[in-house]
C-alpha atoms as a PDB file:
ATOM      1  CA  MET A   1      85.530 114.737  99.317  1.00  0.00           C
ATOM      2  CA  ALA A   2      89.029 114.500  99.820  1.00  0.00           C
ATOM      3  CA  GLY A   3      91.216 111.114  99.269  1.00  0.00           C
ATOM      4  CA  ASN A   4      93.130 109.187 101.518  1.00  0.00           C
ATOM      5  CA  SER A   5      96.439 109.262  99.333  1.00  0.00           C
ATOM      6  CA  LYS A   6      98.990 111.592  98.414  1.00  0.00           C
ATOM      7  CA  GLU A   7      97.904 112.280  94.869  1.00  0.00           C
ATOM      8  CA  GLN A   8      94.209 112.937  95.862  1.00  0.00           C
ATOM      9  CA  GLN A   9      95.858 115.187  98.397  1.00  0.00           C
ATOM     10  CA  LEU A  10      97.781 116.951  96.103  1.00  0.00           C
ATOM     11  CA  SER A  11      95.084 117.338  93.512  1.00  0.00           C
ATOM     12  CA  LEU A  12      93.048 119.021  96.339  1.00  0.00           C
ATOM     13  CA  ARG A  13      95.498 121.446  96.974  1.00  0.00           C
ATOM     14  CA  VAL A  14      96.692 122.298  93.543  1.00  0.00           C
ATOM     15  CA  TYR A  15      92.748 123.181  92.748  1.00  0.00           C
ATOM     16  CA  ASN A  16      92.407 125.297  95.761  1.00  0.00           C
ATOM     17  CA  SER A  17      95.159 126.978  94.960  1.00  0.00           C
ATOM     18  CA  LEU A  18      93.943 128.071  91.626  1.00  0.00           C
ATOM     19  CA  GLN A  19      90.579 129.199  92.747  1.00  0.00           C
ATOM     20  CA  SER A  20      92.398 131.131  95.077  1.00  0.00           C
ATOM     21  CA  PHE A  21      94.575 133.138  92.767  1.00  0.00           C
ATOM     22  CA  GLY A  22      91.338 133.291  90.508  1.00  0.00           C
ATOM     23  CA  CYS A  23      92.118 131.546  87.769  1.00  0.00           C
ATOM     24  CA  PRO A  24      89.959 131.768  85.184  1.00  0.00           C
ATOM     25  CA  LEU A  25      90.011 128.451  83.318  1.00  0.00           C
ATOM     26  CA  VAL A  26      88.414 126.970  87.076  1.00  0.00           C
ATOM     27  CA  ASP A  27      85.523 129.017  87.712  1.00  0.00           C
ATOM     28  CA  GLY A  28      82.392 127.236  86.926  1.00  0.00           C
ATOM     29  CA  LEU A  29      83.436 123.761  86.925  1.00  0.00           C
ATOM     30  CA  TYR A  30      82.928 123.043  90.570  1.00  0.00           C
ATOM     31  CA  LEU A  31      84.640 119.470  91.174  1.00  0.00           C
ATOM     32  CA  ARG A  32      83.724 117.834  94.780  1.00  0.00           C
ATOM     33  CA  GLU A  33      85.878 115.197  94.425  1.00  0.00           C
ATOM     34  CA  ALA A  34      89.580 114.724  94.246  1.00  0.00           C
ATOM     35  CA  ASP A  35      89.440 112.071  91.693  1.00  0.00           C
ATOM     36  CA  SER A  36      87.895 114.488  89.305  1.00  0.00           C
ATOM     37  CA  MET A  37      90.433 117.551  90.304  1.00  0.00           C
ATOM     38  CA  GLN A  38      93.038 114.701  89.454  1.00  0.00           C
ATOM     39  CA  ASP A  39      91.828 113.648  86.261  1.00  0.00           C
ATOM     40  CA  LEU A  40      91.744 117.423  85.264  1.00  0.00           C
ATOM     41  CA  LEU A  41      95.245 118.438  86.178  1.00  0.00           C
ATOM     42  CA  CYS A  42      96.571 115.161  85.293  1.00  0.00           C
ATOM     43  CA  LYS A  43      95.200 113.619  81.804  1.00  0.00           C
ATOM     44  CA  PRO A  44      96.423 115.167  79.106  1.00  0.00           C
ATOM     45  CA  SER A  45      93.994 117.814  77.589  1.00  0.00           C
ATOM     46  CA  GLN A  46      93.911 121.550  75.837  1.00  0.00           C
ATOM     47  CA  HIS A  47      92.142 122.448  79.427  1.00  0.00           C
ATOM     48  CA  ARG A  48      95.256 121.122  81.379  1.00  0.00           C
ATOM     49  CA  MET A  49      97.645 122.827  78.404  1.00  0.00           C
ATOM     50  CA  ASP A  50      95.931 126.240  79.106  1.00  0.00           C
ATOM     51  CA  ILE A  51      96.297 126.020  82.850  1.00  0.00           C
ATOM     52  CA  LEU A  52     100.038 125.556  82.592  1.00  0.00           C
ATOM     53  CA  LYS A  53      99.991 128.391  80.238  1.00  0.00           C
ATOM     54  CA  TRP A  54      98.195 130.562  82.607  1.00  0.00           C
ATOM     55  CA  ILE A  55     100.348 129.705  85.114  1.00  0.00           C
ATOM     56  CA  CYS A  56     103.328 130.334  83.400  1.00  0.00           C
ATOM     57  CA  VAL A  57     102.312 133.833  82.025  1.00  0.00           C
ATOM     58  CA  ARG A  58     101.442 134.904  85.782  1.00  0.00           C
ATOM     59  CA  ILE A  59     105.027 133.954  86.803  1.00  0.00           C
ATOM     60  CA  CYS A  60     106.511 135.559  83.789  1.00  0.00           C
ATOM     61  CA  PRO A  61     104.005 138.166  82.138  1.00  0.00           C
ATOM     62  CA  SER A  62     106.938 138.551  79.168  1.00  0.00           C
ATOM     63  CA  LEU A  63     105.294 134.725  78.065  1.00  0.00           C
ATOM     64  CA  LYS A  64     101.801 135.981  76.989  1.00  0.00           C
ATOM     65  CA  GLU A  65     103.293 137.587  74.075  1.00  0.00           C
ATOM     66  CA  LYS A  66     105.154 134.465  73.195  1.00  0.00           C
ATOM     67  CA  PHE A  67     101.841 132.138  73.263  1.00  0.00           C
ATOM     68  CA  SER A  68      99.311 134.719  71.665  1.00  0.00           C
ATOM     69  CA  ALA A  69     101.923 134.585  68.856  1.00  0.00           C
ATOM     70  CA  MET A  70     101.571 130.402  68.662  1.00  0.00           C
ATOM     71  CA  LYS A  71      98.562 129.056  66.984  1.00  0.00           C
ATOM     72  CA  SER A  72      96.563 126.805  68.883  1.00  0.00           C
ATOM     73  CA  SER A  73      97.648 123.757  66.991  1.00  0.00           C
ATOM     74  CA  GLN A  74     101.253 124.492  67.266  1.00  0.00           C
ATOM     75  CA  THR A  75     101.025 122.217  70.707  1.00  0.00           C
ATOM     76  CA  GLU A  76     104.478 120.937  70.306  1.00  0.00           C
ATOM     77  CA  GLU A  77     106.145 124.394  70.619  1.00  0.00           C
ATOM     78  CA  VAL A  78     103.671 125.134  73.516  1.00  0.00           C
ATOM     79  CA  VAL A  79     105.314 122.288  75.403  1.00  0.00           C
ATOM     80  CA  LYS A  80     108.841 123.251  73.998  1.00  0.00           C
ATOM     81  CA  GLU A  81     108.263 126.426  75.737  1.00  0.00           C
ATOM     82  CA  ILE A  82     106.738 125.158  78.894  1.00  0.00           C
ATOM     83  CA  THR A  83     109.387 122.659  78.926  1.00  0.00           C
ATOM     84  CA  ARG A  84     111.936 125.172  78.763  1.00  0.00           C
ATOM     85  CA  PHE A  85     110.581 127.674  81.061  1.00  0.00           C
ATOM     86  CA  GLY A  86     110.558 124.707  83.804  1.00  0.00           C
ATOM     87  CA  HIS A  87     114.335 124.187  83.116  1.00  0.00           C
ATOM     88  CA  GLU A  88     115.078 127.482  83.573  1.00  0.00           C
ATOM     89  CA  MET A  89     113.083 127.471  87.033  1.00  0.00           C
ATOM     90  CA  MET A  90     114.873 124.397  87.897  1.00  0.00           C
ATOM     91  CA  LEU A  91     111.643 122.471  88.570  1.00  0.00           C
ATOM     92  CA  CYS A  92     112.106 120.113  85.805  1.00  0.00           C
ATOM     93  CA  LYS A  93     114.760 118.673  83.118  1.00  0.00           C
ATOM     94  CA  ALA A  94     115.450 120.429  79.689  1.00  0.00           C
ATOM     95  CA  ASP A  95     114.235 117.444  77.754  1.00  0.00           C
ATOM     96  CA  ASP A  96     111.239 116.593  79.813  1.00  0.00           C
ATOM     97  CA  GLN A  97     108.090 117.247  77.620  1.00  0.00           C
ATOM     98  CA  GLU A  98     106.439 114.019  78.947  1.00  0.00           C
ATOM     99  CA  LEU A  99     105.733 116.131  82.292  1.00  0.00           C
ATOM    100  CA  ILE A 100     104.611 118.689  80.581  1.00  0.00           C
ATOM    101  CA  LYS A 101     102.017 116.542  77.738  1.00  0.00           C
ATOM    102  CA  GLY A 102     100.861 114.638  81.025  1.00  0.00           C
ATOM    103  CA  CYS A 103     102.289 111.376  80.156  1.00  0.00           C
ATOM    104  CA  ALA A 104     104.257 111.678  83.361  1.00  0.00           C
ATOM    105  CA  THR A 105     103.166 110.082  86.760  1.00  0.00           C
ATOM    106  CA  SER A 106     100.186 112.165  88.414  1.00  0.00           C
ATOM    107  CA  LEU A 107     102.357 112.603  91.363  1.00  0.00           C
ATOM    108  CA  LYS A 108     105.304 114.035  89.083  1.00  0.00           C
ATOM    109  CA  GLN A 109     103.054 116.155  87.432  1.00  0.00           C
ATOM    110  CA  LEU A 110     100.973 117.690  91.041  1.00  0.00           C
ATOM    111  CA  LEU A 111     104.380 118.183  92.393  1.00  0.00           C
ATOM    112  CA  PHE A 112     105.537 120.606  89.625  1.00  0.00           C
ATOM    113  CA  LEU A 113     102.602 122.353  89.362  1.00  0.00           C
ATOM    114  CA  GLU A 114     102.435 122.912  93.119  1.00  0.00           C
ATOM    115  CA  GLU A 115     105.873 124.174  92.972  1.00  0.00           C
ATOM    116  CA  LEU A 116     104.677 126.114  89.831  1.00  0.00           C
ATOM    117  CA  LEU A 117     102.130 127.528  92.110  1.00  0.00           C
ATOM    118  CA  MET A 118     104.530 128.442  94.805  1.00  0.00           C
ATOM    119  CA  ILE A 119     107.076 130.346  92.525  1.00  0.00           C
ATOM    120  CA  ALA A 120     103.742 132.080  91.466  1.00  0.00           C
ATOM    121  CA  LYS A 121     102.439 132.885  94.874  1.00  0.00           C
ATOM    122  CA  ASP A 122     105.934 134.711  95.464  1.00  0.00           C
ATOM    123  CA  SER A 123     105.986 136.810  92.229  1.00  0.00           C
ATOM    124  CA  ASN A 124     102.638 138.088  93.236  1.00  0.00           C
ATOM    125  CA  TYR A 125     103.771 138.867  96.653  1.00  0.00           C
ATOM    126  CA  THR A 126     107.190 140.854  94.696  1.00  0.00           C
ATOM    127  CA  SER A 127     105.471 142.416  92.417  1.00  0.00           C
ATOM    128  CA  GLN A 128     102.932 143.924  94.914  1.00  0.00           C
ATOM    129  CA  GLU A 129     106.138 145.082  97.020  1.00  0.00           C
ATOM    130  CA  LYS A 130     107.040 146.575  93.967  1.00  0.00           C
ATOM    131  CA  SER A 131     104.275 148.705  93.483  1.00  0.00           C
ATOM    132  CA  GLY A 132     104.288 149.732  96.832  1.00  0.00           C
ATOM    133  CA  ASP A 133     107.779 150.622  96.309  1.00  0.00           C
ATOM    134  CA  ASP A 134     107.019 152.890  93.072  1.00  0.00           C
ATOM    135  CA  VAL A 135     104.103 154.814  95.133  1.00  0.00           C
ATOM    136  CA  ARG A 136     107.014 155.613  97.750  1.00  0.00           C
ATOM    137  CA  ASN A 137     109.630 156.682  95.453  1.00  0.00           C
ATOM    138  CA  GLU A 138     107.059 158.641  93.378  1.00  0.00           C
ATOM    139  CA  GLY A 139     106.287 160.614  96.665  1.00  0.00           C
ATOM    140  CA  LEU A 140     110.068 161.073  97.717  1.00  0.00           C
ATOM    141  CA  LEU A 141     110.614 162.519  93.930  1.00  0.00           C
ATOM    142  CA  GLY A 142     107.435 164.847  94.263  1.00  0.00           C
ATOM    143  CA  ASP A 143     109.008 165.791  97.882  1.00  0.00           C
ATOM    144  CA  LEU A 144     112.562 166.324  95.931  1.00  0.00           C
ATOM    145  CA  MET A 145     111.776 168.525  93.326  1.00  0.00           C
ATOM    146  CA  SER A 146     109.356 170.546  95.592  1.00  0.00           C
ATOM    147  CA  PRO A 147     109.955 174.725  95.626  1.00  0.00           C
ATOM    148  CA  ASP A 148     111.989 174.360  99.054  1.00  0.00           C
ATOM    149  CA  HIS A 149     114.395 171.753  98.161  1.00  0.00           C
ATOM    150  CA  LEU A 150     114.755 172.885  94.393  1.00  0.00           C
ATOM    151  CA  PRO A 151     117.878 175.103  95.309  1.00  0.00           C
ATOM    152  CA  ASP A 152     119.716 172.071  97.115  1.00  0.00           C
ATOM    153  CA  LEU A 153     119.063 170.034  94.192  1.00  0.00           C
ATOM    154  CA  ILE A 154     120.536 172.241  91.511  1.00  0.00           C
ATOM    155  CA  GLN A 155     123.436 173.091  93.895  1.00  0.00           C
ATOM    156  CA  LEU A 156     123.563 168.985  93.542  1.00  0.00           C
ATOM    157  CA  MET A 157     123.431 169.102  89.898  1.00  0.00           C
ATOM    158  CA  ASN A 158     126.035 171.900  89.515  1.00  0.00           C
ATOM    159  CA  PRO A 159     128.762 171.581  92.381  1.00  0.00           C
ATOM    160  CA  VAL A 160     131.399 174.123  92.972  1.00  0.00           C
ATOM    161  CA  CYS A 161     133.803 171.571  93.603  1.00  0.00           C
ATOM    162  CA  THR A 162     134.502 169.746  90.278  1.00  0.00           C
ATOM    163  CA  PRO A 163     136.188 166.091  90.589  1.00  0.00           C
ATOM    164  CA  TRP A 164     137.857 166.328  87.274  1.00  0.00           C
ATOM    165  CA  SER A 165     141.353 165.979  87.730  1.00  0.00           C
ATOM    166  CA  ALA A 166     143.979 169.213  86.945  1.00  0.00           C
ATOM    167  CA  HIS A 167     144.960 168.255  83.165  1.00  0.00           C
ATOM    168  CA  ILE A 168     141.263 167.868  82.533  1.00  0.00           C
ATOM    169  CA  ARG A 169     140.163 170.859  84.106  1.00  0.00           C
ATOM    170  CA  GLU A 170     142.708 173.026  82.168  1.00  0.00           C
ATOM    171  CA  HIS A 171     141.508 171.373  78.841  1.00  0.00           C
ATOM    172  CA  LEU A 172     137.471 172.006  80.137  1.00  0.00           C
ATOM    173  CA  ARG A 173     138.622 175.640  80.710  1.00  0.00           C
ATOM    174  CA  VAL A 174     140.417 176.342  77.514  1.00  0.00           C
ATOM    175  CA  SER A 175     138.245 174.535  75.460  1.00  0.00           C
ATOM    176  CA  GLN A 176     134.781 175.899  76.724  1.00  0.00           C
ATOM    177  CA  PRO A 177     135.596 179.392  74.908  1.00  0.00           C
ATOM    178  CA  THR A 178     136.401 178.023  71.441  1.00  0.00           C
ATOM    179  CA  GLN A 179     133.524 175.862  71.724  1.00  0.00           C
ATOM    180  CA  SER A 180     130.970 178.940  72.474  1.00  0.00           C
ATOM    181  CA  LYS A 181     132.699 180.845  69.838  1.00  0.00           C
ATOM    182  CA  GLY A 182     131.821 177.719  67.463  1.00  0.00           C
ATOM    183  CA  ASN A 183     128.207 177.774  68.322  1.00  0.00           C
ATOM    184  CA  ARG A 184     128.043 181.432  67.303  1.00  0.00           C
ATOM    185  CA  GLY A 185     129.829 180.772  64.060  1.00  0.00           C
ATOM    186  CA  LYS A 186     127.422 177.592  63.378  1.00  0.00           C
ATOM    187  CA  GLY A 187     129.954 175.408  62.387  1.00  0.00           C
ATOM    188  CA  SER A 188     132.766 177.304  60.392  1.00  0.00           C
ATOM    189  CA  ASP A 189     135.040 177.658  63.026  1.00  0.00           C
ATOM    190  CA  PHE A 190     134.106 173.948  64.090  1.00  0.00           C
ATOM    191  CA  ASN A 191     137.351 172.723  63.027  1.00  0.00           C
ATOM    192  CA  ASN A 192     139.613 175.684  64.779  1.00  0.00           C
ATOM    193  CA  SER A 193     138.076 174.651  68.459  1.00  0.00           C
ATOM    194  CA  SER A 194     138.218 171.252  67.918  1.00  0.00           C
ATOM    195  CA  PRO A 195     140.461 169.212  70.448  1.00  0.00           C
ATOM    196  CA  HIS A 196     143.260 168.954  67.920  1.00  0.00           C
ATOM    197  CA  HIS A 197     143.723 172.277  67.877  1.00  0.00           C
ATOM    198  CA  SER A 198     143.174 173.956  71.251  1.00  0.00           C
ATOM    199  CA  GLY A 199     142.274 171.613  73.692  1.00  0.00           C
ATOM    200  CA  LEU A 200     144.972 168.852  73.133  1.00  0.00           C
ATOM    201  CA  GLY A 201     147.441 171.689  72.709  1.00  0.00           C
ATOM    202  CA  LYS A 202     147.687 172.080  76.484  1.00  0.00           C
ATOM    203  CA  LEU A 203     147.953 168.187  76.841  1.00  0.00           C
ATOM    204  CA  GLY A 204     151.270 166.641  76.290  1.00  0.00           C
ATOM    205  CA  ASP A 205     151.751 163.835  74.126  1.00  0.00           C
ATOM    206  CA  GLY A 206     152.501 161.796  77.294  1.00  0.00           C
ATOM    207  CA  ASN A 207     148.606 162.348  79.133  1.00  0.00           C
ATOM    208  CA  LEU A 208     147.179 162.194  75.734  1.00  0.00           C
ATOM    209  CA  GLY A 209     148.760 158.465  75.132  1.00  0.00           C
ATOM    210  CA  GLU A 210     147.888 157.437  78.755  1.00  0.00           C
ATOM    211  CA  ALA A 211     144.745 158.666  78.510  1.00  0.00           C
ATOM    212  CA  THR A 212     144.226 156.443  75.155  1.00  0.00           C
ATOM    213  CA  ALA A 213     145.816 153.256  76.854  1.00  0.00           C
ATOM    214  CA  LEU A 214     143.215 153.967  79.612  1.00  0.00           C
ATOM    215  CA  MET A 215     140.377 154.078  77.919  1.00  0.00           C
ATOM    216  CA  GLN A 216     141.464 151.212  75.853  1.00  0.00           C
ATOM    217  CA  PHE A 217     141.738 148.398  78.854  1.00  0.00           C
ATOM    218  CA  THR A 218     138.672 150.193  80.121  1.00  0.00           C
ATOM    219  CA  GLN A 219     136.908 149.179  76.979  1.00  0.00           C
ATOM    220  CA  ASN A 220     138.711 145.869  76.981  1.00  0.00           C
ATOM    221  CA  ALA A 221     137.825 145.041  80.462  1.00  0.00           C
ATOM    222  CA  LEU A 222     134.355 145.749  79.401  1.00  0.00           C
ATOM    223  CA  GLU A 223     133.905 143.685  76.500  1.00  0.00           C
ATOM    224  CA  GLU A 224     135.409 141.011  78.643  1.00  0.00           C
ATOM    225  CA  LEU A 225     132.871 141.056  81.122  1.00  0.00           C
ATOM    226  CA  ARG A 226     129.652 141.457  78.534  1.00  0.00           C
ATOM    227  CA  LYS A 227     131.078 138.119  76.947  1.00  0.00           C
ATOM    228  CA  GLU A 228     130.819 136.553  80.449  1.00  0.00           C
ATOM    229  CA  CYS A 229     127.398 138.033  81.083  1.00  0.00           C
ATOM    230  CA  ASP A 230     125.687 135.745  78.620  1.00  0.00           C
ATOM    231  CA  PHE A 231     122.171 136.125  80.230  1.00  0.00           C
ATOM    232  CA  LEU A 232     121.860 139.638  79.862  1.00  0.00           C
ATOM    233  CA  GLN A 233     122.205 139.436  75.834  1.00  0.00           C
ATOM    234  CA  SER A 234     119.956 136.384  75.435  1.00  0.00           C
ATOM    235  CA  ASN A 235     117.720 136.047  72.757  1.00  0.00           C
ATOM    236  CA  PRO A 236     114.229 135.517  73.604  1.00  0.00           C
ATOM    237  CA  GLN A 237     113.310 134.123  70.242  1.00  0.00           C
ATOM    238  CA  SER A 238     116.414 131.241  70.418  1.00  0.00           C
ATOM    239  CA  SER A 239     115.670 127.482  71.015  1.00  0.00           C
ATOM    240  CA  GLY A 240     118.641 127.126  73.505  1.00  0.00           C
ATOM    241  CA  VAL A 241     118.239 127.529  77.725  1.00  0.00           C
ATOM    242  CA  SER A 242     118.741 130.905  78.759  1.00  0.00           C
ATOM    243  CA  LEU A 243     118.887 132.568  82.243  1.00  0.00           C
ATOM    244  CA  SER A 244     115.621 134.681  82.643  1.00  0.00           C
ATOM    245  CA  PRO A 245     115.214 137.275  85.292  1.00  0.00           C
ATOM    246  CA  CYS A 246     112.256 134.739  86.915  1.00  0.00           C
ATOM    247  CA  ALA A 247     115.129 132.155  87.127  1.00  0.00           C
ATOM    248  CA  LEU A 248     117.865 134.791  88.662  1.00  0.00           C
ATOM    249  CA  LYS A 249     114.682 135.688  91.362  1.00  0.00           C
ATOM    250  CA  VAL A 250     114.296 132.328  92.566  1.00  0.00           C
ATOM    251  CA  ALA A 251     118.217 131.678  92.781  1.00  0.00           C
ATOM    252  CA  ILE A 252     118.328 135.131  94.716  1.00  0.00           C
ATOM    253  CA  SER A 253     115.239 133.970  96.961  1.00  0.00           C
ATOM    254  CA  ASP A 254     117.075 130.511  98.028  1.00  0.00           C
ATOM    255  CA  MET A 255     119.981 132.351  98.472  1.00  0.00           C
ATOM    256  CA  ALA A 256     118.595 134.873 100.973  1.00  0.00           C
ATOM    257  CA  GLN A 257     116.601 131.775 102.806  1.00  0.00           C
ATOM    258  CA  LEU A 258     119.830 130.095 103.198  1.00  0.00           C
ATOM    259  CA  MET A 259     121.539 133.302 104.705  1.00  0.00           C
ATOM    260  CA  SER A 260     119.124 133.948 107.096  1.00  0.00           C
ATOM    261  CA  ALA A 261     118.718 130.466 108.333  1.00  0.00           C
ATOM    262  CA  PHE A 262     122.747 130.722 108.884  1.00  0.00           C
ATOM    263  CA  SER A 263     122.215 133.692 110.550  1.00  0.00           C
ATOM    264  CA  GLN A 264     119.712 132.648 112.944  1.00  0.00           C
ATOM    265  CA  VAL A 265     122.199 129.511 113.581  1.00  0.00           C
ATOM    266  CA  TYR A 266     124.687 131.785 114.280  1.00  0.00           C
ATOM    267  CA  SER A 267     123.183 133.745 116.608  1.00  0.00           C
ATOM    268  CA  THR A 268     121.422 130.853 118.667  1.00  0.00           C
ATOM    269  CA  ASP A 269     124.576 128.593 118.393  1.00  0.00           C
ATOM    270  CA  PHE A 270     127.818 130.001 117.074  1.00  0.00           C
ATOM    271  CA  LYS A 271     127.966 133.299 118.467  1.00  0.00           C
ATOM    272  CA  ASP A 272     129.125 132.506 122.418  1.00  0.00           C
ATOM    273  CA  TYR A 273     131.784 130.099 120.927  1.00  0.00           C
ATOM    274  CA  CYS A 274     133.037 132.593 118.462  1.00  0.00           C
ATOM    275  CA  GLN A 275     132.928 136.128 120.967  1.00  0.00           C
ATOM    276  CA  ARG A 276     135.399 134.066 123.381  1.00  0.00           C
ATOM    277  CA  ALA A 277     138.920 134.808 123.846  1.00  0.00           C
ATOM    278  CA  PRO A 278     141.319 132.522 122.599  1.00  0.00           C
ATOM    279  CA  PRO A 279     142.979 130.430 124.472  1.00  0.00           C
ATOM    280  CA  VAL A 280     146.073 131.164 126.447  1.00  0.00           C
ATOM    281  CA  LEU A 281     149.043 128.662 125.733  1.00  0.00           C
ATOM    282  CA  SER A 282     150.694 127.117 128.865  1.00  0.00           C
ATOM    283  CA  PRO A 283     154.918 128.254 129.503  1.00  0.00           C
ATOM    284  CA  SER A 284     155.376 124.856 130.123  1.00  0.00           C
ATOM    285  CA  ALA A 285     155.767 123.664 126.617  1.00  0.00           C
ATOM    286  CA  GLN A 286     159.107 121.360 127.288  1.00  0.00           C
ATOM    287  CA  VAL A 287     157.285 119.326 130.097  1.00  0.00           C
ATOM    288  CA  PHE A 288     154.481 118.670 127.593  1.00  0.00           C
ATOM    289  CA  GLN A 289     156.792 117.374 124.874  1.00  0.00           C
ATOM    290  CA  CYS A 290     158.879 115.523 127.491  1.00  0.00           C
ATOM    291  CA  VAL A 291     155.953 113.393 128.748  1.00  0.00           C
ATOM    292  CA  HIS A 292     154.847 113.070 124.495  1.00  0.00           C
ATOM    293  CA  GLN A 293     158.043 111.668 124.379  1.00  0.00           C
ATOM    294  CA  LEU A 294     158.009 109.530 127.228  1.00  0.00           C
ATOM    295  CA  LEU A 295     154.697 107.800 126.357  1.00  0.00           C
ATOM    296  CA  HIS A 296     155.626 107.688 122.726  1.00  0.00           C
ATOM    297  CA  ARG A 297     158.658 105.417 124.161  1.00  0.00           C
ATOM    298  CA  CYS A 298     156.453 103.636 126.106  1.00  0.00           C
ATOM    299  CA  ASN A 299     153.947 102.761 123.345  1.00  0.00           C
ATOM    300  CA  MET A 300     156.933 101.344 121.927  1.00  0.00           C
ATOM    301  CA  GLU A 301     157.924  98.992 124.090  1.00  0.00           C
ATOM    302  CA  LEU A 302     154.399  97.716 124.473  1.00  0.00           C
ATOM    303  CA  GLU A 303     154.106  97.081 120.543  1.00  0.00           C
ATOM    304  CA  ALA A 304     157.070  95.018 121.113  1.00  0.00           C
ATOM    305  CA  LEU A 305     156.100  93.340 124.188  1.00  0.00           C
ATOM    306  CA  GLN A 306     152.870  92.416 122.020  1.00  0.00           C
ATOM    307  CA  GLN A 307     155.018  91.167 118.994  1.00  0.00           C
ATOM    308  CA  LEU A 308     157.259  88.977 121.424  1.00  0.00           C
ATOM    309  CA  SER A 309     154.315  87.314 123.284  1.00  0.00           C
ATOM    310  CA  GLU A 310     153.047  86.800 119.597  1.00  0.00           C
ATOM    311  CA  THR A 311     156.083  85.212 118.186  1.00  0.00           C
ATOM    312  CA  SER A 312     156.279  82.857 121.513  1.00  0.00           C
ATOM    313  CA  SER A 313     152.477  81.603 121.154  1.00  0.00           C
ATOM    314  CA  SER A 314     153.429  81.297 117.661  1.00  0.00           C
ATOM    315  CA  VAL A 315     156.878  78.868 118.489  1.00  0.00           C
ATOM    316  CA  MET A 316     154.696  77.221 121.096  1.00  0.00           C
ATOM    317  CA  LYS A 317     152.119  76.583 118.483  1.00  0.00           C
ATOM    318  CA  THR A 318     154.619  75.127 116.157  1.00  0.00           C
ATOM    319  CA  MET A 319     156.455  72.653 118.249  1.00  0.00           C
ATOM    320  CA  ARG A 320     152.898  71.389 119.635  1.00  0.00           C
ATOM    321  CA  ARG A 321     152.226  70.603 116.245  1.00  0.00           C
ATOM    322  CA  ILE A 322     155.612  68.899 115.253  1.00  0.00           C
ATOM    323  CA  GLN A 323     155.016  66.968 118.732  1.00  0.00           C
ATOM    324  CA  ALA A 324     151.725  65.885 117.486  1.00  0.00           C
ATOM    325  CA  ASP A 325     152.187  65.346 113.908  1.00  0.00           C
ATOM    326  CA  ARG A 326     153.236  61.862 112.250  1.00  0.00           C
ATOM    327  CA  GLN A 327     156.345  61.594 110.329  1.00  0.00           C
ATOM    328  CA  TYR A 328     158.575  59.294 108.462  1.00  0.00           C
ATOM    329  CA  TRP A 329     161.417  58.675 110.895  1.00  0.00           C
ATOM    330  CA  ALA A 330     163.735  55.553 110.789  1.00  0.00           C
ATOM    331  CA  LYS A 331     162.734  52.060 109.196  1.00  0.00           C
ATOM    332  CA  GLY A 332     160.180  53.840 106.775  1.00  0.00           C
ATOM    333  CA  GLU A 333     157.607  53.758 110.104  1.00  0.00           C
ATOM    334  CA  LYS A 334     155.230  57.275 110.367  1.00  0.00           C
ATOM    335  CA  GLN A 335     155.293  58.029 114.327  1.00  0.00           C
ATOM    336  CA  THR A 336     155.285  61.326 116.212  1.00  0.00           C
ATOM    337  CA  LEU A 337     158.302  62.738 118.202  1.00  0.00           C
ATOM    338  CA  SER A 338     157.360  61.813 121.073  1.00  0.00           C
ATOM    339  CA  ASP A 339     156.843  58.041 120.222  1.00  0.00           C
ATOM    340  CA  GLN A 340     160.181  58.423 118.152  1.00  0.00           C
ATOM    341  CA  LEU A 341     161.947  59.619 121.595  1.00  0.00           C
ATOM    342  CA  GLU A 342     160.380  57.154 123.669  1.00  0.00           C
ATOM    343  CA  SER A 343     161.558  54.188 121.557  1.00  0.00           C
ATOM    344  CA  LEU A 344     165.103  55.676 121.410  1.00  0.00           C
ATOM    345  CA  ARG A 345     164.953  55.958 125.184  1.00  0.00           C
ATOM    346  CA  ASN A 346     164.093  52.641 125.230  1.00  0.00           C
ATOM    347  CA  ARG A 347     167.089  51.259 122.726  1.00  0.00           C
ATOM    348  CA  TYR A 348     169.415  53.315 124.461  1.00  0.00           C
ATOM    349  CA  THR A 349     168.248  51.836 128.144  1.00  0.00           C
ATOM    350  CA  ALA A 350     168.059  48.212 126.692  1.00  0.00           C
ATOM    351  CA  PHE A 351     171.828  49.190 125.140  1.00  0.00           C
ATOM    352  CA  LEU A 352     173.158  50.139 128.432  1.00  0.00           C
ATOM    353  CA  SER A 353     171.759  47.004 130.330  1.00  0.00           C
ATOM    354  CA  HIS A 354     173.076  45.065 127.795  1.00  0.00           C
ATOM    355  CA  HIS A 355     176.786  46.274 128.327  1.00  0.00           C
ATOM    356  CA  HIS A 356     176.599  46.628 132.135  1.00  0.00           C
ATOM    357  CA  SER A 357     175.259  42.771 131.854  1.00  0.00           C
END
């Protein structure tokens, strides 16, 4: 019976995938409950480790020899090898051995197993496709080697128009009779027919130096390329992380999916825009420039008016604050400005009335 949690659903899916792949380690178990499947796939056991080894060998058959060379007691070595392989597949970290041992969370283990089985499915499809290509190539090779096409094949292998340059053709023409004499003499005349005597006699010292320099430059370039392509010379016995053909296959598959997705989006959304004619520039560029300058000046005037309004508002607030705040004026009394002005006005009125009287 299928469970309701995500772990139980993943357990059922992974178990069914193992059965569909014909994994011999799940034959005869007849598990019905999702909990039992989860225990089989997530709890640490030798059976679970054998299932992991079987999936890895299905993806990369070259691992079978490594696992066969390891003893049953070398569990740590098996864990390290599977961890390294999972890291090459970009499914786990380089030191994520707890995941391989079965000590991680059930959800993480089941997702790891599901991704491994998806890669195994793709690898199986690729191998079948490759076998079909081999059959087609074998038929094409048989057709090419048939008596009807054999003269054409001989003509292709021995073309009339030689691709060699002029000085190399001259060297080959001169050295060919000399080499045939050396073959008849069983090596006695080999020194006389060597390139140092006959062939290179036609070649100038300048041409020889150029050819030597070109060969040295080519050799240095090949050495640089070989140093950059570390994955082509990786030692399978080394414990370090290396880029295996399976990892390259996964990366190429991801890149192909991204390219196909972009092609679909381009054909549906972007193609119409990319095929449009470029816009025609207006000859009235001077008019637009003048309008832009006028608008810019208008914006500057508006900014100045805004600053003036803000300054006026600030002055008004300051004046109100001065009028409302009480300060010390004459006689040590604290009064507002309006009260002080009223007091001065009263004193002035009293002074004038007293003066007139």
